[in-house]
Amino acid sequence: QEPIKEVVPMRGLFPTKIALRLEEASYVDMALGEGVRERGAFADQIPDYMPGVAYVKTEGSREPLRVRAAYTGDDDITELVRFATSHDATVLDFPNRDDGTESADSPDTGGESSETDDIEYIDDDGEDEDDDFDAA
């Protein structure tokens, strides 16, 4: 990414511009538009240890937006595939469903026991105002 080179002759016609890490301060205005660096787009100061950080300038907005793309490495993808294709996964019901009804394993319904029996439900009566958290 080097904005001094005219790789795309119609660069000024793009409504959204993105600047990743740049080598020079002057490159920021070349990539995003005149005066954008003065308004906070410090793409030349993005450190090497922060991959995915960029500044975005959209048409109709004066202020640049700092963004960071998520990084998913090969190890993460391998783990996700292993998890998603595993046939030995255990599926647990939630104590309450989204529709307001309780699941069969909920402690209030007397349903059959499941692997969620080790969950302790705490009824906070609000008497201990000094305690911010209840330990289970």
Protein backbone atom coordinates (compact mmCIF):
# COMPACT_ATOMS: atom_id res chain seq x y z
CA GLN A 1 0.00 0.00 0.00
CA GLU A 2 1.83 3.02 -1.24
CA PRO A 3 -0.37 5.96 -2.19
CA ILE A 4 2.37 7.83 -4.09
CA LYS A 5 2.10 5.28 -6.91
CA GLU A 6 -0.81 5.69 -9.30
CA VAL A 7 -1.90 2.04 -9.35
CA VAL A 8 -5.60 2.89 -9.60
CA PRO A 9 -6.06 5.98 -11.80
CA MET A 10 -9.59 6.65 -10.52
CA ARG A 11 -8.71 6.44 -6.82
CA GLY A 12 -10.64 9.62 -6.05
CA LEU A 13 -13.91 8.09 -7.25
CA PHE A 14 -14.11 5.47 -4.47
CA PRO A 15 -16.62 6.50 -1.75
CA THR A 16 -14.89 4.45 0.96
CA LYS A 17 -11.15 4.60 1.51
CA ILE A 18 -9.13 2.44 3.88
CA ALA A 19 -5.59 3.09 5.08
CA LEU A 20 -3.71 0.30 6.80
CA ARG A 21 -0.27 0.92 8.32
CA LEU A 22 1.54 3.51 6.17
CA GLU A 23 5.21 4.42 6.18
CA GLU A 24 4.96 8.21 6.01
CA ALA A 25 2.65 10.80 7.55
CA SER A 26 2.11 12.42 4.15
CA TYR A 27 0.77 9.12 2.78
CA VAL A 28 -2.28 9.33 5.08
CA ASP A 29 -3.73 12.37 3.32
CA MET A 30 -2.86 10.85 -0.06
CA ALA A 31 -4.75 7.67 0.78
CA LEU A 32 -7.74 9.08 2.68
CA GLY A 33 -8.05 12.68 1.52
CA GLU A 34 -6.70 16.11 2.36
CA GLY A 35 -6.59 16.94 6.08
CA VAL A 36 -7.72 13.54 7.34
CA ARG A 37 -4.54 12.96 9.33
CA GLU A 38 -5.10 16.25 11.17
CA ARG A 39 -8.56 14.94 12.12
CA GLY A 40 -7.12 11.82 13.76
CA ALA A 41 -6.22 9.21 11.14
CA PHE A 42 -2.69 8.34 12.28
CA ALA A 43 -2.17 5.37 9.96
CA ASP A 44 1.56 6.07 9.93
CA GLN A 45 1.70 5.39 13.69
CA ILE A 46 0.05 1.95 13.70
CA PRO A 47 2.59 -0.39 15.33
CA ASP A 48 3.72 -3.67 13.76
CA TYR A 49 2.26 -5.66 16.65
CA MET A 50 -1.30 -4.49 15.85
CA PRO A 51 -2.17 -6.19 12.55
CA GLY A 52 -5.60 -5.44 11.14
CA VAL A 53 -5.81 -1.88 12.47
CA ALA A 54 -6.84 0.64 9.84
CA TYR A 55 -8.51 4.00 9.36
CA VAL A 56 -11.62 4.28 7.22
CA LYS A 57 -12.90 7.43 5.55
CA THR A 58 -16.36 7.33 3.98
CA GLU A 59 -17.88 9.81 1.59
CA GLY A 60 -20.01 12.38 3.39
CA SER A 61 -18.18 12.03 6.70
CA ARG A 62 -15.39 14.38 7.73
CA GLU A 63 -14.08 12.25 10.57
CA PRO A 64 -12.06 9.07 9.99
CA LEU A 65 -13.00 5.90 11.84
CA ARG A 66 -10.38 3.65 13.45
CA VAL A 67 -11.22 -0.01 12.91
CA ARG A 68 -9.63 -3.37 13.62
CA ALA A 69 -10.34 -6.51 11.66
CA ALA A 70 -10.44 -9.74 13.61
CA TYR A 71 -7.49 -12.05 13.07
CA THR A 72 -8.20 -15.74 12.79
CA GLY A 73 -5.06 -17.84 12.53
CA ASP A 74 -4.63 -21.32 11.11
CA ASP A 75 -4.71 -22.88 14.59
CA ASP A 76 -8.04 -21.17 15.33
CA ILE A 77 -9.56 -22.42 12.08
CA THR A 78 -8.30 -25.96 12.69
CA GLU A 79 -9.83 -25.95 16.19
CA LEU A 80 -13.16 -24.62 14.86
CA VAL A 81 -13.32 -27.36 12.20
CA ARG A 82 -12.47 -30.02 14.80
CA PHE A 83 -15.17 -28.72 17.14
CA ALA A 84 -17.84 -28.34 14.45
CA THR A 85 -17.26 -31.81 12.97
CA SER A 86 -16.87 -33.66 16.27
CA HIS A 87 -19.53 -36.29 16.92
CA ASP A 88 -18.82 -36.64 20.63
CA ALA A 89 -20.00 -33.19 21.70
CA THR A 90 -22.42 -32.93 24.62
CA VAL A 91 -25.45 -30.67 24.11
CA LEU A 92 -26.95 -29.10 27.23
CA ASP A 93 -30.37 -27.47 27.50
CA PHE A 94 -30.57 -23.95 28.84
CA PRO A 95 -32.56 -23.60 32.09
CA ASN A 96 -35.02 -21.17 30.43
CA ARG A 97 -35.99 -20.94 26.79
CA ASP A 98 -36.36 -17.69 24.86
CA ASP A 99 -40.15 -18.10 24.56
CA GLY A 100 -40.57 -17.83 28.33
CA THR A 101 -41.33 -21.51 28.95
CA GLU A 102 -39.03 -23.57 31.06
CA SER A 103 -37.09 -26.49 29.71
CA ALA A 104 -37.64 -30.06 30.93
CA ASP A 105 -34.40 -29.93 32.93
CA SER A 106 -35.27 -26.73 34.79
CA PRO A 107 -35.13 -27.18 38.60
CA ASP A 108 -38.66 -25.77 39.02
CA THR A 109 -40.40 -28.33 36.77
CA GLY A 110 -39.15 -31.48 38.43
CA GLY A 111 -37.83 -32.71 35.09
CA GLU A 112 -35.35 -35.50 34.70
CA SER A 113 -31.84 -34.88 35.91
CA SER A 114 -29.17 -33.93 33.46
CA GLU A 115 -25.62 -32.71 33.44
CA THR A 116 -26.89 -29.28 34.57
CA ASP A 117 -27.72 -30.61 38.07
CA ASP A 118 -24.44 -29.20 39.38
CA ILE A 119 -25.67 -25.64 38.75
CA GLU A 120 -26.59 -23.85 41.96
CA TYR A 121 -29.35 -21.27 41.62
CA ILE A 122 -28.91 -18.32 43.98
CA ASP A 123 -31.94 -16.40 45.18
CA ASP A 124 -30.77 -12.90 46.07
CA ASP A 125 -33.13 -11.37 48.62
CA GLY A 126 -31.29 -8.03 48.45
CA GLU A 127 -30.52 -7.88 52.19
CA ASP A 128 -26.70 -7.77 51.86
CA GLU A 129 -26.12 -4.42 50.20
CA ASP A 130 -22.36 -4.55 50.91
CA ASP A 131 -21.91 -7.76 48.89
CA ASP A 132 -21.63 -7.01 45.18
CA PHE A 133 -21.46 -10.67 44.17
CA ASP A 134 -22.69 -13.97 45.54
CA ALA A 135 -20.20 -16.80 45.33
CA ALA A 136 -21.64 -20.11 44.23
